[in-house]
Amino acid sequence: MSATTAIATPTAAAAAVPKAQFDWRPLALLVGLMGLALPAIGTPSTWLTLTVAGLAMGLIIFVIASGLTLVFGLMDVLNFGHGVFIALGAFMATTVMGGMTGWAGESTALQLTSVFTAMVVAMVVAGAVGWAFERVIVRPVYGLHLKQILITMGGMIVGEEIIKVIWGPQQIALPLPSSLTGSWLLGEASIEKYRVMAAGIGLLVFAALAFTLNRTKVGLLIRAGVQDREMVESLGYRIRRLFVGVFVAGSALAGLGGVMWGLYQQNVTPQIGGQVNVLIFIVIIIGGLGSTLGCFVGALLVGLMANYTGFLAPKVALFSNIGLMVAILLWRPQGLYPVTNR
C-alpha cells in the first residue's frame, strides 16, 4: 500500500460516517405559531405585546421545568416532588426580599440586588433540601418508576405541610420592586420590564445547560454514565456523586424558577409548586422526555399558546395547552426532540 493510499483511507472512512443533521421542524412550528397568530390578532402592536409576554412566560416555565428534565433525562428518576422545591424557592424570596425592602429603598441598583440575592439564596436552600431529598427519599427507589412516583408525591405533600408550619397556610404577597414594574413602549406595543429580565435569565440558563452538557468533561461523564454506568465507574469516576450533583442542580433550578414564577404571579401559596407541576409535565412531554432542547422549545410553545388563546378565546385558554400536547403527540409520539433519536 502506498503512503498516499494510507493517508487517504482514514479520510475516506471519516467521510463515510454520516453526520447527524439538526431537526429544524420544531423550531419552524414555533415560528409558524407566531405567524398564524398575527392575522388572527389583527393589530401588530398587540401581537408584539402578546408574543413578548408569551416568550417570557415560556422561558420562566423552562427554568422551572429544566431541573426536572435534567433529573429525568440523566438519572431516569420520575420526581413528582419537584413542586416542593419550586414552592420553597418562592417562599425564600418572600423572606429575603421582605427583609431587604427597607434597606433597598428607591434605589434601582439595590432593588435589583435584593431580587438577585433572593434568587441565589433560593437556589442554595433548594439545592441543599434537594440533596437531603435524594439521599432519604429517592436513593432507595432508583430504577423503580412506580415507587418513585408514589414516594416523591408523598415527599411533596410532606414538604408543603412543612412550608405551612414555617410560613403559614395563607397566601403571601411577593410584589415586584418599583424598578421592575411598568413597561417600555415600542411603538404602540407595551413590553413589561420584568418579562424582559425573566426572558434574559431563561436564555442564560438554557445556554449554561447546553454548554455544560455538550462541551464540558462533566457533561460528557454524566451522559456516558447514563449509557454505561459500570464502564465509567471502572475508569475510576464516581458516577453516584455526579448523579447527586445533577439532582442538587435540578433542585436549585426549581428554586430559581419558583422565585421567578412567584414574582410573575406577585403572590405565593404553599400549593404553588403543585399548581405548576401540571404545566411542567406538559412541557416535558411535548419536548421529549429528558431533552433539554425539547423542554426549551416546548416551554416557548406553551407560553405563546397560553397568551394567544387567552386574548383570542379566554375560555379555550383553560385547556389550550392540553390540546397543544395532544396535537404534537399525534405528530410526534415521542415528543419534539426525543432523546432516543440522538
C-alpha atoms as a PDB file:
ATOM      1  CA  MET A   1       0.000   0.000   0.000  1.00  0.00           C
ATOM      2  CA  SER A   2       1.415   3.410  -0.920  1.00  0.00           C
ATOM      3  CA  ALA A   3       1.775   6.270   1.570  1.00  0.00           C
ATOM      4  CA  THR A   4      -0.818   8.279  -0.335  1.00  0.00           C
ATOM      5  CA  THR A   5      -3.344   5.472  -0.053  1.00  0.00           C
ATOM      6  CA  ALA A   6      -2.609   5.037   3.655  1.00  0.00           C
ATOM      7  CA  ILE A   7      -3.247   8.700   4.316  1.00  0.00           C
ATOM      8  CA  ALA A   8      -6.353   8.855   2.181  1.00  0.00           C
ATOM      9  CA  THR A   9      -8.017   5.783   3.725  1.00  0.00           C
ATOM     10  CA  PRO A  10      -8.789   7.293   7.179  1.00  0.00           C
ATOM     11  CA  THR A  11     -10.075  10.436   5.485  1.00  0.00           C
ATOM     12  CA  ALA A  12     -12.396   8.404   3.288  1.00  0.00           C
ATOM     13  CA  ALA A  13     -13.560   6.400   6.313  1.00  0.00           C
ATOM     14  CA  ALA A  14     -14.306   9.572   8.257  1.00  0.00           C
ATOM     15  CA  ALA A  15     -16.203  10.975   5.297  1.00  0.00           C
ATOM     16  CA  ALA A  16     -18.279   7.817   5.131  1.00  0.00           C
ATOM     17  CA  VAL A  17     -19.615   8.315   8.682  1.00  0.00           C
ATOM     18  CA  PRO A  18     -22.964  10.089   8.383  1.00  0.00           C
ATOM     19  CA  LYS A  19     -23.365  13.279  10.365  1.00  0.00           C
ATOM     20  CA  ALA A  20     -26.485  13.805  12.448  1.00  0.00           C
ATOM     21  CA  GLN A  21     -28.486  16.643  10.974  1.00  0.00           C
ATOM     22  CA  PHE A  22     -30.279  19.095  13.235  1.00  0.00           C
ATOM     23  CA  ASP A  23     -34.070  18.884  13.032  1.00  0.00           C
ATOM     24  CA  TRP A  24     -35.429  22.359  12.321  1.00  0.00           C
ATOM     25  CA  ARG A  25     -39.101  21.367  12.114  1.00  0.00           C
ATOM     26  CA  PRO A  26     -39.960  22.001  15.800  1.00  0.00           C
ATOM     27  CA  LEU A  27     -38.436  25.488  15.505  1.00  0.00           C
ATOM     28  CA  ALA A  28     -40.427  26.014  12.312  1.00  0.00           C
ATOM     29  CA  LEU A  29     -43.525  25.046  14.278  1.00  0.00           C
ATOM     30  CA  LEU A  30     -42.691  27.734  16.831  1.00  0.00           C
ATOM     31  CA  VAL A  31     -42.262  30.376  14.122  1.00  0.00           C
ATOM     32  CA  GLY A  32     -45.407  29.131  12.369  1.00  0.00           C
ATOM     33  CA  LEU A  33     -47.459  29.547  15.552  1.00  0.00           C
ATOM     34  CA  MET A  34     -46.311  33.157  15.856  1.00  0.00           C
ATOM     35  CA  GLY A  35     -47.043  33.751  12.158  1.00  0.00           C
ATOM     36  CA  LEU A  36     -50.551  32.321  12.352  1.00  0.00           C
ATOM     37  CA  ALA A  37     -51.341  34.406  15.411  1.00  0.00           C
ATOM     38  CA  LEU A  38     -50.616  37.717  13.660  1.00  0.00           C
ATOM     39  CA  PRO A  39     -53.607  37.755  11.259  1.00  0.00           C
ATOM     40  CA  ALA A  40     -55.845  36.269  13.974  1.00  0.00           C
ATOM     41  CA  ILE A  41     -54.974  39.058  16.425  1.00  0.00           C
ATOM     42  CA  GLY A  42     -55.071  41.727  13.726  1.00  0.00           C
ATOM     43  CA  THR A  43     -53.061  44.526  15.321  1.00  0.00           C
ATOM     44  CA  PRO A  44     -49.258  44.233  15.038  1.00  0.00           C
ATOM     45  CA  SER A  45     -48.654  46.130  18.295  1.00  0.00           C
ATOM     46  CA  THR A  46     -50.996  43.824  20.216  1.00  0.00           C
ATOM     47  CA  TRP A  47     -49.382  40.805  18.579  1.00  0.00           C
ATOM     48  CA  LEU A  48     -45.908  42.012  19.596  1.00  0.00           C
ATOM     49  CA  THR A  49     -47.031  42.611  23.181  1.00  0.00           C
ATOM     50  CA  LEU A  50     -48.578  39.142  23.432  1.00  0.00           C
ATOM     51  CA  THR A  51     -45.613  37.474  21.732  1.00  0.00           C
ATOM     52  CA  VAL A  52     -43.023  39.003  24.052  1.00  0.00           C
ATOM     53  CA  ALA A  53     -45.206  38.178  27.055  1.00  0.00           C
ATOM     54  CA  GLY A  54     -45.648  34.597  25.824  1.00  0.00           C
ATOM     55  CA  LEU A  55     -41.945  34.082  25.183  1.00  0.00           C
ATOM     56  CA  ALA A  56     -41.090  35.464  28.636  1.00  0.00           C
ATOM     57  CA  MET A  57     -43.679  33.211  30.275  1.00  0.00           C
ATOM     58  CA  GLY A  58     -42.296  30.254  28.337  1.00  0.00           C
ATOM     59  CA  LEU A  59     -38.742  30.984  29.475  1.00  0.00           C
ATOM     60  CA  ILE A  60     -39.874  31.151  33.109  1.00  0.00           C
ATOM     61  CA  ILE A  61     -41.574  27.774  32.662  1.00  0.00           C
ATOM     62  CA  PHE A  62     -38.395  26.449  31.053  1.00  0.00           C
ATOM     63  CA  VAL A  63     -36.301  27.418  34.092  1.00  0.00           C
ATOM     64  CA  ILE A  64     -38.771  25.588  36.338  1.00  0.00           C
ATOM     65  CA  ALA A  65     -39.005  22.523  34.088  1.00  0.00           C
ATOM     66  CA  SER A  66     -35.303  22.322  33.189  1.00  0.00           C
ATOM     67  CA  GLY A  67     -34.416  20.920  36.604  1.00  0.00           C
ATOM     68  CA  LEU A  68     -36.925  18.086  36.257  1.00  0.00           C
ATOM     69  CA  THR A  69     -35.820  17.449  32.668  1.00  0.00           C
ATOM     70  CA  LEU A  70     -32.219  17.226  33.847  1.00  0.00           C
ATOM     71  CA  VAL A  71     -33.062  14.749  36.609  1.00  0.00           C
ATOM     72  CA  PHE A  72     -35.204  12.527  34.412  1.00  0.00           C
ATOM     73  CA  GLY A  73     -33.014  12.667  31.331  1.00  0.00           C
ATOM     74  CA  LEU A  74     -29.753  11.902  33.127  1.00  0.00           C
ATOM     75  CA  MET A  75     -30.882   9.906  36.180  1.00  0.00           C
ATOM     76  CA  ASP A  76     -34.107   8.268  34.945  1.00  0.00           C
ATOM     77  CA  VAL A  77     -35.912   9.496  38.078  1.00  0.00           C
ATOM     78  CA  LEU A  78     -39.594  10.483  37.939  1.00  0.00           C
ATOM     79  CA  ASN A  79     -39.578  13.169  40.613  1.00  0.00           C
ATOM     80  CA  PHE A  80     -43.191  14.173  41.258  1.00  0.00           C
ATOM     81  CA  GLY A  81     -41.956  16.042  44.324  1.00  0.00           C
ATOM     82  CA  HIS A  82     -40.323  18.694  42.136  1.00  0.00           C
ATOM     83  CA  GLY A  83     -43.027  21.155  43.145  1.00  0.00           C
ATOM     84  CA  VAL A  84     -41.805  21.397  46.725  1.00  0.00           C
ATOM     85  CA  PHE A  85     -38.525  22.974  45.542  1.00  0.00           C
ATOM     86  CA  ILE A  86     -40.495  25.476  43.472  1.00  0.00           C
ATOM     87  CA  ALA A  87     -42.596  26.450  46.487  1.00  0.00           C
ATOM     88  CA  LEU A  88     -39.530  26.593  48.733  1.00  0.00           C
ATOM     89  CA  GLY A  89     -37.760  28.956  46.343  1.00  0.00           C
ATOM     90  CA  ALA A  90     -40.810  31.227  46.131  1.00  0.00           C
ATOM     91  CA  PHE A  91     -41.193  31.430  49.920  1.00  0.00           C
ATOM     92  CA  MET A  92     -37.489  32.067  50.424  1.00  0.00           C
ATOM     93  CA  ALA A  93     -37.918  35.035  48.078  1.00  0.00           C
ATOM     94  CA  THR A  94     -40.696  36.458  50.277  1.00  0.00           C
ATOM     95  CA  THR A  95     -38.391  36.250  53.298  1.00  0.00           C
ATOM     96  CA  VAL A  96     -35.267  37.661  51.642  1.00  0.00           C
ATOM     97  CA  MET A  97     -36.948  40.424  49.651  1.00  0.00           C
ATOM     98  CA  GLY A  98     -39.252  41.294  52.538  1.00  0.00           C
ATOM     99  CA  GLY A  99     -36.247  41.721  54.816  1.00  0.00           C
ATOM    100  CA  MET A 100     -34.364  43.853  52.282  1.00  0.00           C
ATOM    101  CA  THR A 101     -37.259  46.134  51.288  1.00  0.00           C
ATOM    102  CA  GLY A 102     -36.437  48.909  53.770  1.00  0.00           C
ATOM    103  CA  TRP A 103     -32.722  48.680  53.024  1.00  0.00           C
ATOM    104  CA  ALA A 104     -33.181  48.882  49.249  1.00  0.00           C
ATOM    105  CA  GLY A 105     -35.432  51.942  49.353  1.00  0.00           C
ATOM    106  CA  GLU A 106     -35.986  53.558  45.952  1.00  0.00           C
ATOM    107  CA  SER A 107     -32.543  52.713  44.589  1.00  0.00           C
ATOM    108  CA  THR A 108     -32.792  50.703  41.382  1.00  0.00           C
ATOM    109  CA  ALA A 109     -29.414  49.033  41.957  1.00  0.00           C
ATOM    110  CA  LEU A 110     -30.305  47.973  45.500  1.00  0.00           C
ATOM    111  CA  GLN A 111     -33.734  46.713  44.439  1.00  0.00           C
ATOM    112  CA  LEU A 112     -32.185  44.568  41.718  1.00  0.00           C
ATOM    113  CA  THR A 113     -29.606  43.380  44.263  1.00  0.00           C
ATOM    114  CA  SER A 114     -32.427  42.226  46.546  1.00  0.00           C
ATOM    115  CA  VAL A 115     -34.038  40.276  43.685  1.00  0.00           C
ATOM    116  CA  PHE A 116     -30.821  38.543  42.647  1.00  0.00           C
ATOM    117  CA  THR A 117     -29.929  37.870  46.287  1.00  0.00           C
ATOM    118  CA  ALA A 118     -33.312  36.187  46.735  1.00  0.00           C
ATOM    119  CA  MET A 119     -32.641  34.057  43.643  1.00  0.00           C
ATOM    120  CA  VAL A 120     -29.221  32.958  44.896  1.00  0.00           C
ATOM    121  CA  VAL A 121     -30.500  32.157  48.394  1.00  0.00           C
ATOM    122  CA  ALA A 122     -33.454  30.245  46.947  1.00  0.00           C
ATOM    123  CA  MET A 123     -31.123  28.172  44.750  1.00  0.00           C
ATOM    124  CA  VAL A 124     -28.793  27.376  47.658  1.00  0.00           C
ATOM    125  CA  VAL A 125     -31.610  26.382  50.027  1.00  0.00           C
ATOM    126  CA  ALA A 126     -33.499  24.382  47.377  1.00  0.00           C
ATOM    127  CA  GLY A 127     -30.265  22.641  46.372  1.00  0.00           C
ATOM    128  CA  ALA A 128     -29.497  21.713  49.997  1.00  0.00           C
ATOM    129  CA  VAL A 129     -33.014  20.354  50.531  1.00  0.00           C
ATOM    130  CA  GLY A 130     -32.704  18.516  47.204  1.00  0.00           C
ATOM    131  CA  TRP A 131     -29.537  16.811  48.476  1.00  0.00           C
ATOM    132  CA  ALA A 132     -31.403  15.551  51.555  1.00  0.00           C
ATOM    133  CA  PHE A 133     -34.427  14.605  49.403  1.00  0.00           C
ATOM    134  CA  GLU A 134     -32.232  12.479  47.141  1.00  0.00           C
ATOM    135  CA  ARG A 135     -30.486  10.691  49.997  1.00  0.00           C
ATOM    136  CA  VAL A 136     -33.578   9.964  52.078  1.00  0.00           C
ATOM    137  CA  ILE A 137     -36.411   9.564  49.563  1.00  0.00           C
ATOM    138  CA  VAL A 138     -35.092   8.976  46.045  1.00  0.00           C
ATOM    139  CA  ARG A 139     -31.995   6.817  46.578  1.00  0.00           C
ATOM    140  CA  PRO A 140     -33.858   3.705  47.832  1.00  0.00           C
ATOM    141  CA  VAL A 141     -36.088   3.635  44.709  1.00  0.00           C
ATOM    142  CA  TYR A 142     -33.623   4.089  41.829  1.00  0.00           C
ATOM    143  CA  GLY A 143     -34.863   2.123  38.825  1.00  0.00           C
ATOM    144  CA  LEU A 144     -38.360   1.639  40.287  1.00  0.00           C
ATOM    145  CA  HIS A 145     -40.576   4.135  38.483  1.00  0.00           C
ATOM    146  CA  LEU A 146     -43.875   3.316  40.189  1.00  0.00           C
ATOM    147  CA  LYS A 147     -42.324   3.604  43.632  1.00  0.00           C
ATOM    148  CA  GLN A 148     -40.593   6.820  42.569  1.00  0.00           C
ATOM    149  CA  ILE A 149     -43.936   8.381  41.657  1.00  0.00           C
ATOM    150  CA  LEU A 150     -45.589   7.354  44.920  1.00  0.00           C
ATOM    151  CA  ILE A 151     -42.762   8.249  47.280  1.00  0.00           C
ATOM    152  CA  THR A 152     -41.905  11.589  45.657  1.00  0.00           C
ATOM    153  CA  MET A 153     -45.567  12.640  45.649  1.00  0.00           C
ATOM    154  CA  GLY A 154     -45.628  11.801  49.343  1.00  0.00           C
ATOM    155  CA  GLY A 155     -42.472  13.864  49.802  1.00  0.00           C
ATOM    156  CA  MET A 156     -44.145  16.848  48.127  1.00  0.00           C
ATOM    157  CA  ILE A 157     -47.183  16.588  50.422  1.00  0.00           C
ATOM    158  CA  VAL A 158     -44.942  16.483  53.491  1.00  0.00           C
ATOM    159  CA  GLY A 159     -42.877  19.365  52.131  1.00  0.00           C
ATOM    160  CA  GLU A 160     -45.966  21.527  51.604  1.00  0.00           C
ATOM    161  CA  GLU A 161     -47.032  20.889  55.200  1.00  0.00           C
ATOM    162  CA  ILE A 162     -43.587  21.884  56.478  1.00  0.00           C
ATOM    163  CA  ILE A 163     -43.813  25.098  54.449  1.00  0.00           C
ATOM    164  CA  LYS A 164     -47.192  25.797  56.068  1.00  0.00           C
ATOM    165  CA  VAL A 165     -45.631  25.328  59.507  1.00  0.00           C
ATOM    166  CA  ILE A 166     -42.809  27.785  58.741  1.00  0.00           C
ATOM    167  CA  TRP A 167     -44.595  30.463  56.670  1.00  0.00           C
ATOM    168  CA  GLY A 168     -48.253  29.746  57.401  1.00  0.00           C
ATOM    169  CA  PRO A 169     -51.029  28.419  55.155  1.00  0.00           C
ATOM    170  CA  GLN A 170     -52.119  31.796  53.804  1.00  0.00           C
ATOM    171  CA  GLN A 171     -51.207  33.477  50.554  1.00  0.00           C
ATOM    172  CA  ILE A 172     -48.212  35.830  50.845  1.00  0.00           C
ATOM    173  CA  ALA A 173     -47.677  38.802  48.548  1.00  0.00           C
ATOM    174  CA  LEU A 174     -44.453  38.930  46.532  1.00  0.00           C
ATOM    175  CA  PRO A 175     -44.649  42.305  44.782  1.00  0.00           C
ATOM    176  CA  LEU A 176     -42.191  43.386  42.133  1.00  0.00           C
ATOM    177  CA  PRO A 177     -39.760  46.156  43.137  1.00  0.00           C
ATOM    178  CA  SER A 178     -40.690  49.516  41.664  1.00  0.00           C
ATOM    179  CA  SER A 179     -37.696  49.353  39.309  1.00  0.00           C
ATOM    180  CA  LEU A 180     -39.204  46.258  37.630  1.00  0.00           C
ATOM    181  CA  THR A 181     -42.770  47.486  37.406  1.00  0.00           C
ATOM    182  CA  GLY A 182     -44.125  49.275  34.381  1.00  0.00           C
ATOM    183  CA  SER A 183     -43.348  48.810  30.712  1.00  0.00           C
ATOM    184  CA  TRP A 184     -41.279  50.108  27.847  1.00  0.00           C
ATOM    185  CA  LEU A 185     -43.158  51.355  24.791  1.00  0.00           C
ATOM    186  CA  LEU A 186     -42.028  50.059  21.409  1.00  0.00           C
ATOM    187  CA  GLY A 187     -44.254  51.990  19.058  1.00  0.00           C
ATOM    188  CA  GLU A 188     -47.718  51.119  20.338  1.00  0.00           C
ATOM    189  CA  ALA A 189     -46.562  47.813  21.870  1.00  0.00           C
ATOM    190  CA  SER A 190     -46.067  47.558  25.632  1.00  0.00           C
ATOM    191  CA  ILE A 191     -43.113  45.447  26.834  1.00  0.00           C
ATOM    192  CA  GLU A 192     -43.074  44.755  30.579  1.00  0.00           C
ATOM    193  CA  LYS A 193     -39.715  45.270  32.275  1.00  0.00           C
ATOM    194  CA  TYR A 194     -39.893  42.165  34.454  1.00  0.00           C
ATOM    195  CA  ARG A 195     -40.708  39.916  31.500  1.00  0.00           C
ATOM    196  CA  VAL A 196     -37.608  41.135  29.669  1.00  0.00           C
ATOM    197  CA  MET A 197     -35.439  40.369  32.712  1.00  0.00           C
ATOM    198  CA  ALA A 198     -37.069  36.948  33.144  1.00  0.00           C
ATOM    199  CA  ALA A 199     -36.504  36.154  29.459  1.00  0.00           C
ATOM    200  CA  GLY A 200     -32.829  37.055  29.806  1.00  0.00           C
ATOM    201  CA  ILE A 201     -32.404  34.759  32.823  1.00  0.00           C
ATOM    202  CA  GLY A 202     -34.169  31.932  30.988  1.00  0.00           C
ATOM    203  CA  LEU A 203     -31.856  32.267  27.990  1.00  0.00           C
ATOM    204  CA  LEU A 204     -28.793  32.278  30.266  1.00  0.00           C
ATOM    205  CA  VAL A 205     -29.979  29.081  31.986  1.00  0.00           C
ATOM    206  CA  PHE A 206     -30.531  27.371  28.631  1.00  0.00           C
ATOM    207  CA  ALA A 207     -27.107  28.438  27.345  1.00  0.00           C
ATOM    208  CA  ALA A 208     -25.410  27.258  30.560  1.00  0.00           C
ATOM    209  CA  LEU A 209     -27.134  23.854  30.448  1.00  0.00           C
ATOM    210  CA  ALA A 210     -26.388  23.326  26.755  1.00  0.00           C
ATOM    211  CA  PHE A 211     -22.734  24.262  27.222  1.00  0.00           C
ATOM    212  CA  THR A 212     -22.271  22.112  30.330  1.00  0.00           C
ATOM    213  CA  LEU A 213     -23.892  19.002  28.886  1.00  0.00           C
ATOM    214  CA  ASN A 214     -22.303  19.199  25.437  1.00  0.00           C
ATOM    215  CA  ARG A 215     -18.977  20.992  25.850  1.00  0.00           C
ATOM    216  CA  THR A 216     -17.546  20.019  29.255  1.00  0.00           C
ATOM    217  CA  LYS A 217     -15.965  16.920  30.747  1.00  0.00           C
ATOM    218  CA  VAL A 218     -18.585  16.795  33.491  1.00  0.00           C
ATOM    219  CA  GLY A 219     -21.383  16.725  30.921  1.00  0.00           C
ATOM    220  CA  LEU A 220     -19.581  14.004  28.962  1.00  0.00           C
ATOM    221  CA  LEU A 221     -19.159  11.860  32.090  1.00  0.00           C
ATOM    222  CA  ILE A 222     -22.787  12.269  33.080  1.00  0.00           C
ATOM    223  CA  ARG A 223     -24.056  11.292  29.632  1.00  0.00           C
ATOM    224  CA  ALA A 224     -21.616   8.377  29.484  1.00  0.00           C
ATOM    225  CA  GLY A 225     -22.744   7.254  32.930  1.00  0.00           C
ATOM    226  CA  VAL A 226     -26.332   7.148  31.759  1.00  0.00           C
ATOM    227  CA  GLN A 227     -25.367   4.880  28.838  1.00  0.00           C
ATOM    228  CA  ASP A 228     -22.964   2.542  30.666  1.00  0.00           C
ATOM    229  CA  ARG A 229     -22.516   3.268  34.348  1.00  0.00           C
ATOM    230  CA  GLU A 230     -20.318   0.225  35.108  1.00  0.00           C
ATOM    231  CA  MET A 231     -17.833   1.097  32.369  1.00  0.00           C
ATOM    232  CA  VAL A 232     -17.447   4.691  33.578  1.00  0.00           C
ATOM    233  CA  GLU A 233     -17.012   3.540  37.181  1.00  0.00           C
ATOM    234  CA  SER A 234     -14.362   1.054  36.055  1.00  0.00           C
ATOM    235  CA  LEU A 235     -12.376   4.018  34.718  1.00  0.00           C
ATOM    236  CA  GLY A 236     -12.254   5.467  38.239  1.00  0.00           C
ATOM    237  CA  TYR A 237     -15.059   8.032  38.107  1.00  0.00           C
ATOM    238  CA  ARG A 238     -17.674   8.174  40.872  1.00  0.00           C
ATOM    239  CA  ILE A 239     -20.902   8.348  38.943  1.00  0.00           C
ATOM    240  CA  ARG A 240     -23.084   8.349  42.060  1.00  0.00           C
ATOM    241  CA  ARG A 241     -21.536  11.630  43.163  1.00  0.00           C
ATOM    242  CA  LEU A 242     -22.123  13.112  39.717  1.00  0.00           C
ATOM    243  CA  PHE A 243     -25.754  11.998  39.786  1.00  0.00           C
ATOM    244  CA  VAL A 244     -26.256  13.504  43.245  1.00  0.00           C
ATOM    245  CA  GLY A 245     -24.810  16.736  41.857  1.00  0.00           C
ATOM    246  CA  VAL A 246     -27.303  16.568  38.984  1.00  0.00           C
ATOM    247  CA  PHE A 247     -30.201  16.184  41.429  1.00  0.00           C
ATOM    248  CA  VAL A 248     -28.952  19.100  43.520  1.00  0.00           C
ATOM    249  CA  ALA A 249     -28.585  21.248  40.374  1.00  0.00           C
ATOM    250  CA  GLY A 250     -32.109  20.320  39.269  1.00  0.00           C
ATOM    251  CA  SER A 251     -33.493  21.249  42.689  1.00  0.00           C
ATOM    252  CA  ALA A 252     -31.609  24.564  42.640  1.00  0.00           C
ATOM    253  CA  LEU A 253     -33.055  25.401  39.213  1.00  0.00           C
ATOM    254  CA  ALA A 254     -36.520  24.650  40.587  1.00  0.00           C
ATOM    255  CA  GLY A 255     -35.844  27.091  43.431  1.00  0.00           C
ATOM    256  CA  LEU A 256     -34.776  29.761  40.924  1.00  0.00           C
ATOM    257  CA  GLY A 257     -37.885  29.082  38.866  1.00  0.00           C
ATOM    258  CA  GLY A 258     -40.021  29.374  41.995  1.00  0.00           C
ATOM    259  CA  VAL A 259     -38.716  32.893  42.619  1.00  0.00           C
ATOM    260  CA  MET A 260     -39.365  33.884  39.011  1.00  0.00           C
ATOM    261  CA  TRP A 261     -42.859  32.382  38.982  1.00  0.00           C
ATOM    262  CA  GLY A 262     -43.725  33.978  42.343  1.00  0.00           C
ATOM    263  CA  LEU A 263     -42.679  37.394  41.034  1.00  0.00           C
ATOM    264  CA  TYR A 264     -44.645  36.698  37.844  1.00  0.00           C
ATOM    265  CA  GLN A 265     -47.789  35.938  39.903  1.00  0.00           C
ATOM    266  CA  GLN A 266     -46.835  38.532  42.578  1.00  0.00           C
ATOM    267  CA  ASN A 267     -48.049  36.167  45.315  1.00  0.00           C
ATOM    268  CA  VAL A 268     -47.176  32.707  46.601  1.00  0.00           C
ATOM    269  CA  THR A 269     -49.077  29.904  48.327  1.00  0.00           C
ATOM    270  CA  PRO A 270     -47.855  26.554  49.730  1.00  0.00           C
ATOM    271  CA  GLN A 271     -49.599  24.864  46.769  1.00  0.00           C
ATOM    272  CA  ILE A 272     -47.764  26.909  44.127  1.00  0.00           C
ATOM    273  CA  GLY A 273     -45.473  24.003  43.258  1.00  0.00           C
ATOM    274  CA  GLY A 274     -48.299  21.527  42.790  1.00  0.00           C
ATOM    275  CA  GLN A 275     -50.197  24.012  40.630  1.00  0.00           C
ATOM    276  CA  VAL A 276     -47.225  24.483  38.297  1.00  0.00           C
ATOM    277  CA  ASN A 277     -46.404  20.747  38.208  1.00  0.00           C
ATOM    278  CA  VAL A 278     -49.118  20.030  35.625  1.00  0.00           C
ATOM    279  CA  LEU A 279     -47.729  22.701  33.301  1.00  0.00           C
ATOM    280  CA  ILE A 280     -44.194  21.358  33.787  1.00  0.00           C
ATOM    281  CA  PHE A 281     -45.121  17.824  32.793  1.00  0.00           C
ATOM    282  CA  ILE A 282     -46.981  19.091  29.717  1.00  0.00           C
ATOM    283  CA  VAL A 283     -43.800  20.894  28.639  1.00  0.00           C
ATOM    284  CA  ILE A 284     -41.590  17.860  29.263  1.00  0.00           C
ATOM    285  CA  ILE A 285     -43.923  15.525  27.374  1.00  0.00           C
ATOM    286  CA  ILE A 286     -44.169  17.932  24.432  1.00  0.00           C
ATOM    287  CA  GLY A 287     -40.408  18.388  24.231  1.00  0.00           C
ATOM    288  CA  GLY A 288     -39.475  14.725  24.627  1.00  0.00           C
ATOM    289  CA  LEU A 289     -38.723  13.110  27.959  1.00  0.00           C
ATOM    290  CA  GLY A 290     -35.275  14.161  29.144  1.00  0.00           C
ATOM    291  CA  SER A 291     -34.497  16.545  26.258  1.00  0.00           C
ATOM    292  CA  THR A 292     -33.202  19.972  27.315  1.00  0.00           C
ATOM    293  CA  LEU A 293     -33.686  21.452  23.834  1.00  0.00           C
ATOM    294  CA  GLY A 294     -37.143  19.891  23.613  1.00  0.00           C
ATOM    295  CA  CYS A 295     -38.031  21.343  27.016  1.00  0.00           C
ATOM    296  CA  PHE A 296     -36.887  24.770  25.805  1.00  0.00           C
ATOM    297  CA  VAL A 297     -38.961  24.684  22.605  1.00  0.00           C
ATOM    298  CA  GLY A 298     -41.936  23.085  24.371  1.00  0.00           C
ATOM    299  CA  ALA A 299     -41.947  25.774  27.067  1.00  0.00           C
ATOM    300  CA  LEU A 300     -41.945  28.538  24.445  1.00  0.00           C
ATOM    301  CA  LEU A 301     -44.836  26.869  22.612  1.00  0.00           C
ATOM    302  CA  VAL A 302     -46.829  26.569  25.846  1.00  0.00           C
ATOM    303  CA  GLY A 303     -46.167  30.197  26.813  1.00  0.00           C
ATOM    304  CA  LEU A 304     -47.178  31.525  23.401  1.00  0.00           C
ATOM    305  CA  MET A 305     -50.275  29.328  23.203  1.00  0.00           C
ATOM    306  CA  ALA A 306     -51.436  30.436  26.659  1.00  0.00           C
ATOM    307  CA  ASN A 307     -51.104  34.138  25.803  1.00  0.00           C
ATOM    308  CA  TYR A 308     -52.598  33.945  22.302  1.00  0.00           C
ATOM    309  CA  THR A 309     -55.626  31.877  23.334  1.00  0.00           C
ATOM    310  CA  GLY A 310     -56.074  33.945  26.488  1.00  0.00           C
ATOM    311  CA  PHE A 311     -56.512  37.002  24.274  1.00  0.00           C
ATOM    312  CA  LEU A 312     -58.491  35.439  21.427  1.00  0.00           C
ATOM    313  CA  ALA A 313     -60.659  32.950  23.330  1.00  0.00           C
ATOM    314  CA  PRO A 314     -60.287  33.089  27.134  1.00  0.00           C
ATOM    315  CA  LYS A 315     -62.484  30.037  27.701  1.00  0.00           C
ATOM    316  CA  VAL A 316     -60.343  27.952  25.348  1.00  0.00           C
ATOM    317  CA  ALA A 317     -57.192  29.010  27.206  1.00  0.00           C
ATOM    318  CA  LEU A 318     -58.100  26.715  30.090  1.00  0.00           C
ATOM    319  CA  PHE A 319     -57.345  23.611  28.049  1.00  0.00           C
ATOM    320  CA  SER A 320     -55.317  25.020  25.131  1.00  0.00           C
ATOM    321  CA  ASN A 321     -52.050  23.512  26.369  1.00  0.00           C
ATOM    322  CA  ILE A 322     -53.632  20.080  26.684  1.00  0.00           C
ATOM    323  CA  GLY A 323     -54.826  20.420  23.091  1.00  0.00           C
ATOM    324  CA  LEU A 324     -51.331  21.504  22.022  1.00  0.00           C
ATOM    325  CA  MET A 325     -49.814  18.466  23.729  1.00  0.00           C
ATOM    326  CA  VAL A 326     -52.285  16.095  22.060  1.00  0.00           C
ATOM    327  CA  ALA A 327     -51.664  17.633  18.616  1.00  0.00           C
ATOM    328  CA  ILE A 328     -47.880  17.373  18.957  1.00  0.00           C
ATOM    329  CA  LEU A 329     -48.020  13.792  20.227  1.00  0.00           C
ATOM    330  CA  LEU A 330     -50.197  12.824  17.276  1.00  0.00           C
ATOM    331  CA  TRP A 331     -47.490  14.285  15.037  1.00  0.00           C
ATOM    332  CA  ARG A 332     -44.527  13.000  17.062  1.00  0.00           C
ATOM    333  CA  PRO A 333     -45.473  10.413  19.710  1.00  0.00           C
ATOM    334  CA  GLN A 334     -42.047  10.675  21.388  1.00  0.00           C
ATOM    335  CA  GLY A 335     -42.030  14.476  21.556  1.00  0.00           C
ATOM    336  CA  LEU A 336     -40.295  17.183  19.550  1.00  0.00           C
ATOM    337  CA  TYR A 337     -36.718  16.109  20.308  1.00  0.00           C
ATOM    338  CA  PRO A 338     -36.773  12.541  21.644  1.00  0.00           C
ATOM    339  CA  VAL A 339     -33.562  11.607  23.427  1.00  0.00           C
ATOM    340  CA  THR A 340     -33.536   8.129  21.906  1.00  0.00           C
ATOM    341  CA  ASN A 341     -33.036   9.606  18.429  1.00  0.00           C
ATOM    342  CA  ARG A 342     -29.815  11.423  19.308  1.00  0.00           C
END
